[in-house]
Structures are given as structure tokens and as C-alpha cells.
Amino acid sequence: METDGRKLSGSLTDQVVARVTAMIENGSLAPGAKLPPESEIVRREGVSRTVVREAISKLQAAGLVETRHGVGSFVRTHSNGNGFSPRHRGIDTADDVLAVLEVRIGIETEAAALAAVRRSGRNLHAMSSAMETFKSEVQMGRTAVDADFQFHLEIARAARNPYFLDIFTALGAMAIPRSRYQVAERESQRQEYLKRINNEHEDIYSAIVRGDAEAARAAVRNHLGNSRERMRRATEAGKAAKETQGASNR
């Protein structure tokens, strides 16, 4: 995909977003024009299908592109500039992370319930692929933040409601607690926690595969509730440590 020649930086996803955005801005992709198929973008850009899907999701969240299921993605004919974006707030503290988790519980429980009755074979394959990547990265000692985000993004996509996808895409990987706030713990504890996340993902996936909306809703609530409880304990421990330190300095 040709652009105006500007030098690009950032993640592969951001680079694809920048190229498509440039094509829209310079008129190469006119309003109403259909984007090339995912397979063609993969070939031209030299990136994975996952990168392309995430880029299209970001373009949707920015109000530049709309996707018509079973047809393709198209340049929007207008944009009101009112797209949801929480990034200006910043998510820098444990309290911020807790607040985001509360929002996610409200949104993702319903998205998972809808995904259980609306998902396609392609959706299930994407979720399974994200789970396998997560498991592989954990085995290599990585935090697996991107794979974690991708799994939840695919659930939002499977709900077949563009607003769920827009909101989760706008949150981005910062929706994953450990991407923004590191809990002080031993490596063995962290690995055990990541393995538990993997098991909880499998519970969610299994419910969606079965088409059990209530079980999917409960599995997500359990998963995110556990993350919230972990962050709550970390927040209380951090505050207690500061109070102890303050007292000793008096």
C-alpha cells in the first residue's frame, strides 16, 4: 500500500494504521471505498493477519472505517469526531487500573454472552489462536500482554456489536492490568498468576464454544473479578507500606 512517503514509527499495527490513514487523507481511498481484503493487506504490508485486524479495529475506533460483516471494511463517508477515547485520562496507578477493571466487567460480561450465541467458526479460531500464543509466551517467561488483549478483543469482535469492539479497541492493551501497573511479587508467583489467567481464558472459551451465554458471562465475571481482587490487595498493601514508611520517618 503506497503512502505519501512519510517515515513511519511505532508498532506494526500503528504503522498499518498510519498508512491507511494517509491514504484516506490524500484521497487514495475515497469515502465509501472498500479497503483491500485482509489477505492482500497482509501480503503488501508483510505483517500477520492479527496485526491487520487490530489495525482495522483501531481505524474503526477512530471513526475512519466501518466494517460490514460478510462484506468488508469501507472508508466512512463522514466522521463526527465523537469517537470514544479514554487515553487522555491516563492509567498510571492501581486505583486507575481498578476503575478500568470495573468498566471491563460491565462491558465484557455482556459481550461474552452475545459472543456465545453469535460467534462464527472464524471467531473461535481467532480466540483459540490468541490463547495458544498466550500459553507459548508464558512458557517463555513473557508477560503475554498483547496475546491477552487479543483474546479479549476477539470476544468483543464475536459479539457482532461494533460498539463493544470500538470501546475495547479504544482502551487498547492498557486494558490489561499488568501492562500499566506491576504488582510486587516473586517470579514464581507471577508465573502462577499467568497460568491461572490461561485457565480462566479456557473457561471463557469453552462456554462460548458451547453457546452457553450464562456460563460465558459468569466465566468473564470470575476472570476479571479475580484480577480486580488482585489489584485491590496490591493497592491496600502499597498504601499500608507508605503509611509504615511515613511513620518510621517521623
Protein backbone atom coordinates (compact mmCIF):
# COMPACT_ATOMS: atom_id res chain seq x y z
CA MET A 1 0.00 0.00 0.00
CA GLU A 2 1.59 3.24 -1.12
CA THR A 3 1.52 6.34 1.10
CA ASP A 4 2.82 9.88 0.80
CA GLY A 5 6.32 8.77 1.75
CA ARG A 6 6.28 9.90 5.38
CA LYS A 7 8.61 7.95 7.65
CA LEU A 8 6.68 5.71 10.00
CA SER A 9 7.50 4.59 13.52
CA GLY A 10 5.81 2.66 16.30
CA SER A 11 4.32 -0.84 16.39
CA LEU A 12 3.45 -2.77 13.26
CA THR A 13 -0.22 -2.15 13.97
CA ASP A 14 0.35 1.59 14.28
CA GLN A 15 2.32 1.59 11.04
CA VAL A 16 -0.53 -0.06 9.14
CA VAL A 17 -2.98 2.39 10.73
CA ALA A 18 -0.76 5.31 9.69
CA ARG A 19 -0.51 4.08 6.09
CA VAL A 20 -4.25 3.57 5.68
CA THR A 21 -4.94 6.91 7.38
CA ALA A 22 -2.56 8.64 4.98
CA MET A 23 -4.33 7.04 2.01
CA ILE A 24 -7.67 8.29 3.30
CA GLU A 25 -6.29 11.79 3.88
CA ASN A 26 -4.66 12.08 0.46
CA GLY A 27 -7.70 10.71 -1.34
CA SER A 28 -6.19 7.42 -2.47
CA LEU A 29 -9.02 5.80 -0.55
CA ALA A 30 -12.12 7.90 -1.11
CA PRO A 31 -15.15 7.99 1.19
CA GLY A 32 -17.15 4.82 0.65
CA ALA A 33 -14.20 2.97 -0.89
CA LYS A 34 -13.69 -0.63 0.15
CA LEU A 35 -10.39 -1.50 1.82
CA PRO A 36 -8.36 -4.31 0.25
CA PRO A 37 -9.07 -7.79 1.67
CA GLU A 38 -7.15 -8.74 4.82
CA SER A 39 -5.09 -11.27 2.86
CA GLU A 40 -3.95 -8.58 0.41
CA ILE A 41 -3.00 -6.16 3.20
CA VAL A 42 -1.07 -8.97 4.91
CA ARG A 43 0.86 -9.62 1.70
CA ARG A 44 1.55 -5.95 0.89
CA GLU A 45 2.50 -4.92 4.40
CA GLY A 46 4.39 -8.08 5.34
CA VAL A 47 2.57 -8.41 8.65
CA SER A 48 0.37 -11.01 10.29
CA ARG A 49 -3.39 -11.23 9.93
CA THR A 50 -3.69 -10.40 13.63
CA VAL A 51 -1.84 -7.10 13.06
CA VAL A 52 -4.14 -6.23 10.17
CA ARG A 53 -7.29 -6.99 12.18
CA GLU A 54 -6.09 -4.88 15.10
CA ALA A 55 -5.23 -2.03 12.71
CA ILE A 56 -8.69 -2.14 11.18
CA SER A 57 -10.19 -2.16 14.68
CA LYS A 58 -8.22 0.97 15.54
CA LEU A 59 -9.37 2.64 12.33
CA GLN A 60 -12.95 1.76 13.28
CA ALA A 61 -12.47 3.26 16.75
CA ALA A 62 -11.09 6.43 15.17
CA GLY A 63 -14.22 6.73 13.03
CA LEU A 64 -12.31 6.36 9.75
CA VAL A 65 -13.51 2.92 8.75
CA GLU A 66 -16.66 0.86 9.17
CA THR A 67 -16.90 -2.90 8.76
CA ARG A 68 -19.94 -4.60 7.26
CA HIS A 69 -19.91 -8.22 8.34
CA GLY A 70 -19.65 -10.59 5.44
CA VAL A 71 -18.90 -7.74 3.03
CA GLY A 72 -15.71 -5.97 4.10
CA SER A 73 -14.35 -2.72 5.53
CA PHE A 74 -15.11 0.65 3.98
CA VAL A 75 -13.91 4.24 4.41
CA ARG A 76 -16.59 6.10 6.30
CA THR A 77 -18.41 8.77 4.34
CA HIS A 78 -18.36 11.08 7.36
CA SER A 79 -16.95 11.26 10.86
CA ASN A 80 -18.39 13.31 13.70
CA GLY A 81 -15.21 13.16 15.73
CA ASN A 82 -17.05 11.89 18.77
CA GLY A 83 -15.26 8.54 18.99
CA PHE A 84 -14.80 7.13 22.47
CA SER A 85 -11.24 7.52 23.72
CA PRO A 86 -10.18 7.22 27.36
CA ARG A 87 -6.48 7.67 26.68
CA HIS A 88 -6.35 11.31 27.75
CA ARG A 89 -7.05 10.26 31.34
CA GLY A 90 -4.03 8.03 31.66
CA ILE A 91 -3.93 4.76 33.58
CA ASP A 92 -0.95 5.08 35.84
CA THR A 93 -1.95 3.96 39.33
CA ALA A 94 -3.52 0.91 40.92
CA ASP A 95 -6.69 2.92 41.52
CA ASP A 96 -6.84 3.73 37.79
CA VAL A 97 -6.45 0.05 36.94
CA LEU A 98 -9.22 -0.89 39.37
CA ALA A 99 -11.54 1.65 37.74
CA VAL A 100 -10.85 0.23 34.27
CA LEU A 101 -11.47 -3.31 35.53
CA GLU A 102 -14.87 -2.21 36.86
CA VAL A 103 -15.75 -0.86 33.41
CA ARG A 104 -14.49 -4.03 31.74
CA ILE A 105 -16.61 -6.25 33.99
CA GLY A 106 -19.71 -4.33 32.99
CA ILE A 107 -18.89 -4.42 29.29
CA GLU A 108 -17.20 -7.76 28.73
CA THR A 109 -19.64 -9.95 30.61
CA GLU A 110 -22.34 -8.94 28.16
CA ALA A 111 -20.00 -9.09 25.16
CA ALA A 112 -19.10 -12.68 26.09
CA ALA A 113 -22.77 -13.63 26.47
CA LEU A 114 -23.50 -12.26 23.00
CA ALA A 115 -20.38 -13.92 21.58
CA ALA A 116 -21.65 -17.28 22.84
CA VAL A 117 -24.73 -17.05 20.62
CA ARG A 118 -23.33 -15.06 17.70
CA ARG A 119 -19.78 -16.36 17.22
CA SER A 120 -18.64 -17.89 13.96
CA GLY A 121 -16.05 -20.58 13.33
CA ARG A 122 -13.65 -17.82 12.32
CA ASN A 123 -14.20 -16.06 15.65
CA LEU A 124 -13.50 -19.27 17.57
CA HIS A 125 -10.33 -19.85 15.57
CA ALA A 126 -9.10 -16.32 16.36
CA MET A 127 -9.77 -16.80 20.09
CA SER A 128 -8.03 -20.18 20.07
CA SER A 129 -5.03 -18.72 18.26
CA ALA A 130 -4.73 -15.92 20.83
CA MET A 131 -4.89 -18.48 23.64
CA GLU A 132 -2.14 -20.59 22.09
CA THR A 133 0.06 -17.50 21.69
CA PHE A 134 -0.62 -16.55 25.31
CA LYS A 135 0.35 -20.02 26.55
CA SER A 136 3.51 -20.06 24.44
CA GLU A 137 4.66 -16.64 25.65
CA VAL A 138 4.04 -17.53 29.30
CA GLN A 139 6.14 -20.67 28.85
CA MET A 140 8.95 -18.45 27.55
CA GLY A 141 8.70 -16.23 30.64
CA ARG A 142 6.98 -13.31 28.94
CA THR A 143 4.05 -11.25 30.22
CA ALA A 144 1.88 -12.09 27.18
CA VAL A 145 0.08 -8.74 27.35
CA ASP A 146 -0.60 -8.50 23.60
CA ALA A 147 -1.96 -12.05 23.39
CA ASP A 148 -4.13 -11.41 26.45
CA PHE A 149 -5.56 -8.27 24.86
CA GLN A 150 -6.09 -10.05 21.56
CA PHE A 151 -8.14 -12.79 23.22
CA HIS A 152 -10.49 -10.28 24.79
CA LEU A 153 -10.60 -8.24 21.57
CA GLU A 154 -11.73 -11.33 19.67
CA ILE A 155 -14.56 -11.85 22.17
CA ALA A 156 -15.71 -8.28 21.55
CA ARG A 157 -15.49 -8.90 17.81
CA ALA A 158 -17.53 -12.11 18.12
CA ALA A 159 -20.33 -10.21 19.89
CA ARG A 160 -21.13 -8.70 16.47
CA ASN A 161 -21.86 -5.32 18.00
CA PRO A 162 -19.45 -2.63 16.74
CA TYR A 163 -19.76 -0.58 19.93
CA PHE A 164 -18.27 -3.32 22.09
CA LEU A 165 -15.38 -3.56 19.66
CA ASP A 166 -14.95 0.23 19.49
CA ILE A 167 -14.78 0.58 23.26
CA PHE A 168 -12.34 -2.26 23.80
CA THR A 169 -10.17 -1.15 20.89
CA ALA A 170 -10.09 2.38 22.32
CA LEU A 171 -8.88 1.02 25.65
CA GLY A 172 -6.13 -0.87 23.85
CA ALA A 173 -3.57 -3.03 25.65
CA MET A 174 -3.76 -0.66 28.62
CA ALA A 175 -6.95 -2.57 29.49
CA ILE A 176 -4.66 -5.38 30.66
CA PRO A 177 -3.66 -4.53 34.27
CA ARG A 178 -0.07 -5.76 34.14
CA SER A 179 0.64 -3.58 31.09
CA ARG A 180 0.22 -0.48 33.28
CA TYR A 181 0.92 -1.49 36.85
CA GLN A 182 3.33 -4.13 38.08
CA VAL A 183 2.43 -5.92 41.31
CA ALA A 184 5.45 -6.57 43.51
CA GLU A 185 5.78 -10.37 43.72
CA ARG A 186 8.20 -13.22 43.18
CA GLU A 187 8.69 -14.59 39.66
CA SER A 188 7.13 -17.90 40.71
CA GLN A 189 4.01 -16.06 41.90
CA ARG A 190 3.79 -14.12 38.65
CA GLN A 191 4.08 -17.30 36.58
CA GLU A 192 1.41 -18.99 38.67
CA TYR A 193 -0.85 -15.98 38.16
CA LEU A 194 -0.37 -16.09 34.37
CA LYS A 195 -1.15 -19.82 34.32
CA ARG A 196 -4.36 -19.10 36.22
CA ILE A 197 -5.27 -16.44 33.64
CA ASN A 198 -4.76 -19.03 30.91
CA ASN A 199 -7.09 -21.46 32.70
CA GLU A 200 -9.70 -18.73 33.08
CA HIS A 201 -9.41 -17.90 29.37
CA GLU A 202 -10.04 -21.57 28.61
CA ASP A 203 -13.19 -21.49 30.77
CA ILE A 204 -14.48 -18.46 28.86
CA TYR A 205 -13.63 -20.00 25.50
CA SER A 206 -15.27 -23.31 26.41
CA ALA A 207 -18.53 -21.55 27.35
CA ILE A 208 -18.52 -19.60 24.09
CA VAL A 209 -17.84 -22.77 22.09
CA ARG A 210 -20.82 -24.46 23.80
CA GLY A 211 -23.01 -21.47 23.04
CA ASP A 212 -23.77 -21.07 26.75
CA ALA A 213 -24.35 -17.34 27.25
CA GLU A 214 -24.85 -17.52 31.03
CA ALA A 215 -21.71 -19.59 31.54
CA ALA A 216 -19.72 -17.21 29.34
CA ARG A 217 -20.98 -14.25 31.32
CA ALA A 218 -20.09 -15.95 34.62
CA ALA A 219 -16.64 -17.02 33.39
CA VAL A 220 -15.72 -13.47 32.37
CA ARG A 221 -17.03 -12.07 35.65
CA ASN A 222 -14.92 -14.60 37.56
CA HIS A 223 -11.84 -13.86 35.43
CA LEU A 224 -12.00 -10.08 35.70
CA GLY A 225 -13.18 -10.26 39.30
CA ASN A 226 -10.04 -12.18 40.20
CA SER A 227 -7.91 -9.53 38.50
CA ARG A 228 -9.75 -6.81 40.39
CA GLU A 229 -9.22 -8.59 43.71
CA ARG A 230 -5.51 -8.98 42.99
CA MET A 231 -5.20 -5.29 42.23
CA ARG A 232 -7.26 -4.37 45.29
CA ARG A 233 -4.90 -6.34 47.54
CA ALA A 234 -1.89 -4.77 45.83
CA THR A 235 -3.37 -1.30 46.31
CA GLU A 236 -4.02 -1.87 50.01
CA ALA A 237 -0.55 -3.34 50.53
CA GLY A 238 1.05 -0.38 48.77
CA LYS A 239 -0.86 2.14 50.86
CA ALA A 240 -0.01 0.28 54.06
CA ALA A 241 3.67 0.23 53.12
CA LYS A 242 3.63 4.00 52.51
CA GLU A 243 1.96 4.63 55.87
CA THR A 244 4.54 2.44 57.63
CA GLN A 245 7.37 4.23 55.85
CA GLY A 246 5.89 7.60 56.73
CA ALA A 247 5.58 6.65 60.38
CA SER A 248 9.18 5.45 60.56
CA ASN A 249 10.40 8.74 59.09
CA ARG A 250 8.69 10.85 61.73
